[in-house]
Protein backbone atom coordinates (compact mmCIF):
# COMPACT_ATOMS: atom_id res chain seq x y z
CA MET A 1 10.12 10.59 10.48
CA PRO A 2 9.88 10.68 6.45
CA ALA A 3 10.91 14.59 6.86
CA SER A 4 14.27 13.78 8.11
CA LEU A 5 14.84 11.38 5.64
CA PRO A 6 16.42 13.97 2.79
CA SER A 7 19.52 13.58 4.49
CA ILE A 8 20.21 9.70 3.56
CA SER A 9 21.94 10.35 -0.10
CA GLY A 10 19.41 11.66 -2.43
CA SER A 11 18.14 8.78 -4.96
CA ALA A 12 20.06 6.58 -3.71
CA ALA A 13 17.96 6.11 -0.36
CA VAL A 14 14.72 5.68 -2.57
CA PRO A 15 14.93 1.90 -3.67
CA VAL A 16 16.09 0.91 0.20
CA VAL A 17 13.33 3.36 1.93
CA VAL A 18 10.62 1.73 -0.74
CA LEU A 19 12.13 -1.84 0.16
CA GLY A 20 11.88 -0.73 4.53
CA SER A 21 8.14 0.16 3.57
CA ALA A 22 7.37 -3.30 1.52
CA VAL A 23 8.37 -4.84 4.70
CA LEU A 24 6.12 -2.94 7.57
CA HIS A 25 2.98 -3.30 4.75
CA ALA A 26 3.52 -6.75 4.58
CA LEU A 27 3.42 -6.87 8.55
CA TRP A 28 0.61 -4.49 9.15
CA ASN A 29 -1.76 -6.69 6.48
CA GLY A 30 -0.71 -9.53 8.29
CA LEU A 31 -1.49 -7.83 11.81
CA THR A 32 -5.16 -7.00 10.42
CA HIS A 33 -5.64 -10.08 8.62
CA GLY A 34 -5.12 -12.42 11.63
CA LEU A 35 -7.92 -10.26 13.61
CA ARG A 36 -11.37 -12.21 13.39
CA ASP A 37 -13.46 -8.94 13.17
CA LYS A 38 -11.50 -6.95 10.40
CA LEU A 39 -13.72 -4.08 10.27
CA ALA A 40 -12.73 -3.12 14.48
CA GLY A 41 -9.57 -4.12 13.12
CA PHE A 42 -9.73 -1.15 10.11
CA THR A 43 -11.14 0.85 12.51
CA LEU A 44 -8.64 1.38 14.62
CA ILE A 45 -5.49 1.63 12.03
CA SER A 46 -7.70 4.48 10.65
CA LEU A 47 -8.34 6.21 14.81
CA ALA A 48 -4.01 6.07 14.56
CA SER A 49 -3.60 7.52 11.18
CA ALA A 50 -6.37 9.77 12.45
CA GLY A 51 -4.66 10.81 15.74
CA CYS A 52 -0.80 10.84 14.11
CA GLY A 53 -2.27 13.43 12.10
CA ALA A 54 -4.16 15.65 14.61
CA VAL A 55 -0.60 15.57 15.85
CA LEU A 56 1.45 16.56 13.28
CA VAL A 57 -0.44 19.02 11.12
CA CYS A 58 0.34 21.12 14.36
CA LEU A 59 4.13 20.50 13.65
CA ALA A 60 3.81 20.76 9.75
CA PRO A 61 4.41 23.59 7.51
CA LEU A 62 1.24 23.98 5.51
CA PRO A 63 0.88 22.49 1.98
CA ASP A 64 0.92 24.79 -0.68
CA PRO A 65 -2.97 25.68 -1.74
CA ALA A 66 -2.41 23.58 -4.98
CA ALA A 67 -2.08 20.68 -3.40
CA TRP A 68 -5.19 20.54 -1.66
CA PRO A 69 -7.18 18.77 -4.65
CA TYR A 70 -4.82 15.70 -4.38
CA ILE A 71 -5.01 15.46 -0.75
CA ALA A 72 -8.87 15.16 -0.77
CA ALA A 73 -8.89 12.70 -4.08
CA SER A 74 -5.95 10.84 -2.14
CA ALA A 75 -8.07 10.71 1.24
CA ALA A 76 -10.92 9.49 -0.56
CA LEU A 77 -9.15 7.36 -2.83
CA GLN A 78 -7.43 5.57 0.50
CA VAL A 79 -11.33 5.34 1.91
CA ALA A 80 -12.38 3.06 -0.88
CA TYR A 81 -9.09 1.32 -0.78
CA GLN A 82 -9.60 0.09 2.96
CA LEU A 83 -13.26 -0.92 2.30
CA LEU A 84 -12.11 -3.13 -0.77
CA LEU A 85 -9.11 -4.55 1.35
CA LEU A 86 -11.64 -5.09 4.16
CA ARG A 87 -14.33 -6.64 2.04
CA ALA A 88 -11.33 -8.97 0.04
CA TYR A 89 -10.15 -10.04 3.99
CA GLN A 90 -13.10 -11.09 4.67
CA LEU A 91 -14.15 -12.93 1.95
CA GLY A 92 -11.02 -14.89 0.64
CA ASP A 93 -7.49 -15.68 1.92
CA PHE A 94 -4.33 -13.70 3.48
CA GLY A 95 -2.35 -15.44 0.58
CA GLN A 96 -4.24 -14.80 -2.59
CA MET A 97 -6.02 -11.75 -1.62
CA TYR A 98 -3.19 -9.71 -0.65
CA PRO A 99 -0.72 -10.78 -3.60
CA THR A 100 -3.20 -10.13 -5.90
CA ALA A 101 -4.35 -6.33 -4.57
CA ARG A 102 -0.88 -5.44 -4.39
CA GLY A 103 0.33 -7.21 -7.93
CA THR A 104 -2.31 -4.90 -9.72
CA SER A 105 -1.13 -2.00 -8.90
CA PRO A 106 2.31 -1.53 -10.80
CA LEU A 107 0.41 -2.24 -14.04
CA VAL A 108 -1.71 0.47 -13.70
CA VAL A 109 0.73 2.65 -12.75
CA ALA A 110 3.31 2.24 -15.38
CA LEU A 111 -0.14 2.29 -18.35
CA VAL A 112 -1.80 5.24 -16.65
CA SER A 113 1.75 7.33 -16.09
CA THR A 114 2.87 6.40 -19.74
CA THR A 115 -0.02 7.03 -22.09
CA LEU A 116 -2.28 9.30 -19.73
CA LEU A 117 0.69 11.47 -17.75
CA GLY A 118 3.62 11.70 -20.99
CA HIS A 119 6.18 10.12 -18.60
CA SER A 120 8.94 8.73 -20.15
CA LEU A 121 9.62 4.65 -19.45
CA PRO A 122 13.22 3.43 -20.99
CA ALA A 123 13.18 -0.30 -22.15
CA GLY A 124 15.00 -1.00 -19.06
CA GLN A 125 12.55 -0.22 -17.08
CA ALA A 126 10.00 -1.21 -18.48
CA LEU A 127 11.76 -5.16 -18.83
CA GLY A 128 11.74 -4.51 -15.04
CA ILE A 129 8.50 -4.05 -14.29
CA ALA A 130 7.24 -6.98 -16.59
CA VAL A 131 9.41 -9.16 -14.88
CA ILE A 132 8.08 -8.12 -11.68
CA SER A 133 4.72 -8.36 -12.71
CA CYS A 134 4.98 -11.75 -13.60
CA GLY A 135 6.39 -13.06 -10.57
CA LEU A 136 3.46 -10.97 -8.68
CA ALA A 137 1.39 -12.81 -10.39
CA GLY A 138 2.64 -15.78 -10.27
CA LEU A 139 1.86 -15.21 -6.78
CA ALA A 140 -1.11 -14.66 -6.99
CA LEU A 141 -2.12 -17.92 -9.17
CA ALA A 142 0.07 -20.43 -7.64
CA ASP A 143 -2.85 -22.57 -6.41
CA GLY A 144 -4.62 -22.49 -9.84
CA ILE A 145 -7.46 -20.05 -11.68
CA PRO A 146 -10.00 -19.40 -8.87
CA GLY A 147 -13.19 -20.68 -9.34
CA ARG A 148 -17.06 -19.08 -9.99
CA ALA A 149 -17.06 -18.73 -6.01
CA GLN A 150 -14.34 -17.07 -5.48
CA LEU A 151 -14.68 -14.19 -8.02
CA PRO A 152 -16.95 -11.85 -5.52
CA ALA A 153 -13.36 -11.92 -3.37
CA LEU A 154 -10.81 -11.70 -6.22
CA ALA A 155 -13.34 -8.38 -7.47
CA ALA A 156 -12.59 -6.92 -3.88
CA ALA A 157 -9.08 -7.76 -4.17
CA LEU A 158 -8.27 -6.39 -7.98
CA GLY A 159 -10.24 -3.17 -7.07
CA THR A 160 -7.77 -2.58 -4.37
CA GLY A 161 -4.97 -3.05 -6.57
CA VAL A 162 -6.69 -0.12 -8.76
CA MET A 163 -7.25 2.13 -5.70
CA ILE A 164 -3.60 1.47 -5.18
CA ALA A 165 -2.33 2.62 -8.48
CA SER A 166 -4.81 5.57 -8.43
CA TYR A 167 -3.56 6.76 -5.02
CA THR A 168 0.28 6.54 -6.15
CA LEU A 169 -0.50 8.43 -9.24
CA VAL A 170 -2.78 11.28 -6.97
CA ASP A 171 0.38 11.30 -4.54
CA GLY A 172 3.50 11.15 -6.66
CA ASN A 173 2.03 14.48 -8.30
CA GLY A 174 0.41 16.21 -5.05
CA VAL A 175 3.29 15.63 -2.89
CA ARG A 176 5.79 17.53 -5.37
CA ALA A 177 2.93 20.27 -5.33
CA SER A 178 2.87 20.56 -1.94
CA GLY A 179 5.99 22.25 -1.29
CA THR A 180 6.23 20.34 1.82
CA VAL A 181 6.43 16.65 2.03
CA PHE A 182 5.81 16.24 5.90
CA GLY A 183 2.82 18.33 5.81
CA TYR A 184 1.44 16.64 2.72
CA ILE A 185 1.39 13.67 4.44
CA ALA A 186 0.48 14.99 7.98
CA TRP A 187 -2.90 16.21 6.47
CA LEU A 188 -3.24 13.04 4.51
CA TYR A 189 -3.19 10.82 7.56
CA LEU A 190 -6.13 13.05 9.32
CA CYS A 191 -8.35 13.38 6.47
CA GLN A 192 -8.15 9.89 5.24
CA GLY A 193 -8.56 8.66 9.03
CA LEU A 194 -11.48 10.30 10.12
CA VAL A 195 -13.79 8.66 7.49
CA LEU A 196 -13.73 4.96 8.25
CA PRO A 197 -14.37 5.10 12.09
CA LEU A 198 -17.76 7.00 11.23
CA LEU A 199 -18.82 4.58 8.59
CA ALA A 200 -18.25 2.20 11.14
CA TRP A 201 -19.88 3.60 13.93
CA ALA A 202 -22.89 4.41 11.29
CA ARG A 203 -23.23 0.64 11.24
CA ARG A 204 -22.48 -0.38 14.44
CA GLY A 205 -23.23 2.12 17.19
CA PRO A 206 -22.09 1.93 20.76
CA SER A 207 -21.78 -1.62 19.73
CA LEU A 208 -18.44 -1.02 18.27
CA LEU A 209 -16.56 0.33 21.23
CA THR A 210 -16.92 -3.44 22.83
CA THR A 211 -15.43 -4.93 20.11
CA LEU A 212 -12.43 -2.51 19.92
CA ARG A 213 -11.60 -2.91 23.31
CA PRO A 214 -9.98 -6.32 22.82
CA LEU A 215 -8.04 -5.78 19.93
CA TRP A 216 -6.75 -1.98 20.35
CA GLY A 217 -3.52 -3.20 21.17
CA ARG A 218 -2.77 -4.98 17.87
CA GLY A 219 -4.99 -2.64 16.11
CA LEU A 220 -3.18 0.35 17.01
CA ILE A 221 0.34 -1.52 16.28
CA GLY A 222 -0.84 -2.19 12.71
CA GLY A 223 -1.85 1.34 12.22
CA LEU A 224 1.47 2.77 13.26
CA LEU A 225 3.48 0.27 10.90
CA SER A 226 0.93 1.18 8.25
CA LEU A 227 1.33 5.22 8.86
CA LEU A 228 5.58 4.26 8.74
CA ALA A 229 5.20 2.29 5.65
CA TYR A 230 2.96 4.90 3.72
CA GLY A 231 4.95 8.05 4.99
CA LEU A 232 8.25 6.48 3.70
CA VAL A 233 6.28 5.66 0.11
CA VAL A 234 5.21 9.20 0.09
CA TRP A 235 8.51 10.57 0.64
CA ALA A 236 10.08 8.08 -1.95
CA GLN A 237 7.84 9.66 -4.39
CA SER A 238 8.84 13.16 -4.08
CA ARG A 239 12.02 12.14 -5.54
CA GLY A 240 11.92 8.95 -7.72
CA ASP A 241 9.68 7.63 -11.09
CA LEU A 242 6.47 6.38 -9.76
CA SER A 243 6.40 3.66 -12.00
CA THR A 244 9.62 2.37 -10.92
CA ILE A 245 8.45 3.10 -7.15
CA ALA A 246 5.05 1.31 -7.37
CA ALA A 247 7.30 -1.91 -8.97
CA LEU A 248 9.55 -1.74 -5.75
CA ARG A 249 6.93 -1.04 -3.35
CA GLU A 250 5.19 -4.40 -4.45
CA THR A 251 7.47 -6.56 -3.74
CA SER A 252 5.92 -6.63 -0.19
CA ILE A 253 4.24 -9.69 -1.99
CA VAL A 254 7.40 -11.53 -0.94
CA PHE A 255 7.02 -11.27 2.20
CA GLY A 256 3.77 -11.03 2.58
CA ALA A 257 3.59 -14.96 0.96
CA LEU A 258 6.63 -15.39 3.66
CA ILE A 259 3.85 -13.95 6.19
CA GLY A 260 1.46 -16.30 4.93
CA ALA A 261 3.56 -19.51 5.21
CA VAL A 262 5.03 -18.81 8.60
CA VAL A 263 2.11 -17.21 10.54
CA PHE A 264 -0.83 -18.65 8.82
CA ARG A 265 0.75 -21.50 8.01
CA GLU A 266 -0.49 -21.47 4.08
CA ARG A 267 1.60 -23.93 1.70
CA LEU A 268 4.59 -21.84 0.28
CA GLY A 269 5.42 -24.29 -2.33
CA HIS A 270 7.85 -24.46 -5.40
CA ARG A 271 5.22 -22.09 -7.49
CA ARG A 272 5.41 -19.45 -5.27
CA ILE A 273 9.45 -19.40 -4.30
CA THR A 274 9.68 -19.46 -7.81
CA ALA A 275 7.62 -16.62 -8.45
CA SER A 276 8.75 -14.25 -5.90
CA VAL A 277 12.54 -15.33 -7.36
CA THR A 278 11.44 -13.73 -10.34
CA VAL A 279 10.20 -10.67 -8.66
CA LEU A 280 13.52 -10.40 -7.08
CA ALA A 281 14.65 -10.60 -10.77
CA GLY A 282 12.64 -8.20 -11.88
CA ILE A 283 14.32 -6.07 -8.81
CA ALA A 284 17.53 -6.71 -10.09
CA VAL A 285 17.03 -5.47 -13.50
CA LEU A 286 15.32 -2.85 -12.58
CA GLN A 287 18.48 -1.56 -10.67
CA PHE A 288 20.52 -2.51 -13.47
CA ALA A 289 18.87 -0.25 -15.22
CA GLY A 290 18.86 2.68 -13.44
CA GLY A 291 14.89 3.17 -12.80
CA ALA A 292 14.98 3.85 -8.97
C-alpha cells in the first residue's frame, strides 16, 4: 500500500513511483475504454473506490481537520473528471482522447503553481516540462487538427485535463495538511467513490444492475488499478514538487499510445513514435535538472 512507501529512499523513490502509477493509469483507462457500456465501467470503478475506502477508513488515522476542505474539493473535482472522461470516451477514440486529456494537465499545474501559489520553477524544470508538454501535444495531434465534428469530444477531453490539474493541486496541498497520507487517501476514495454510482442509478434505475453483471470482473480490476495508481501519486505529492510530478505522471500517454496500437489496433505511425521519444527526452531533462 502507498502508506508503506516511505521506507523507500525518500525523494529518490518519487520518479519511480510516479512512472509506475503512469503505467497503471494507462492500463485502467484502456480496460475501461474497451467496455461497450462505459457508464457501467466507470460505475464499477467508483464502486471499487468506495468499497476500498470503506475498509481503509477503519484502519487509517483520521486526517487533520485542516485537510477536510481539501478532501471535499478533491472528491467533487474527481467526480467531474470522471464524468468528462466518460463523455470523451463515448464521443472519441482512445488514441486521441486519452493523450489530449492527460496532456492538458502539466501545463495547467505549472502555470497555476507558479503564478497563483507562488511555487518556484527553476529553468531546468521549466525546460523539462515544456519538452514533455510538446511531446504530449504531438501525441494528441498526431492524426491532424480535429474537425468540427470532433470538437465536442475534444472539449470533453480538455475539460478532463483541467479537472486533473485541479485535483492535482488540491491534493498536493491537502495531503501535506492532513498529517497522514494513508488517511487522506482512504477518505478521498470513500467520498468520491459514492457519487457516480448514485448518479448512474438515478439515470438507469434497477436496469443498471443488469448491465453491471457481465462487466463486473473487468470493471473492478480497472477500479483497483485506478485506486493503486492514484494512491501512489498522492504519496509522491507528499514528498515531491507538484509541477514535476504532474509532468511525470502524464507519461502515461506514452503507455496509452502503445495500448492503443497493440490492443485497439490504432495506427502508431512515425508521428506518435517521435512524440513519445520527445516525452521521454523531457523526462531525462527533468531528471537531470533535479526536478523530481
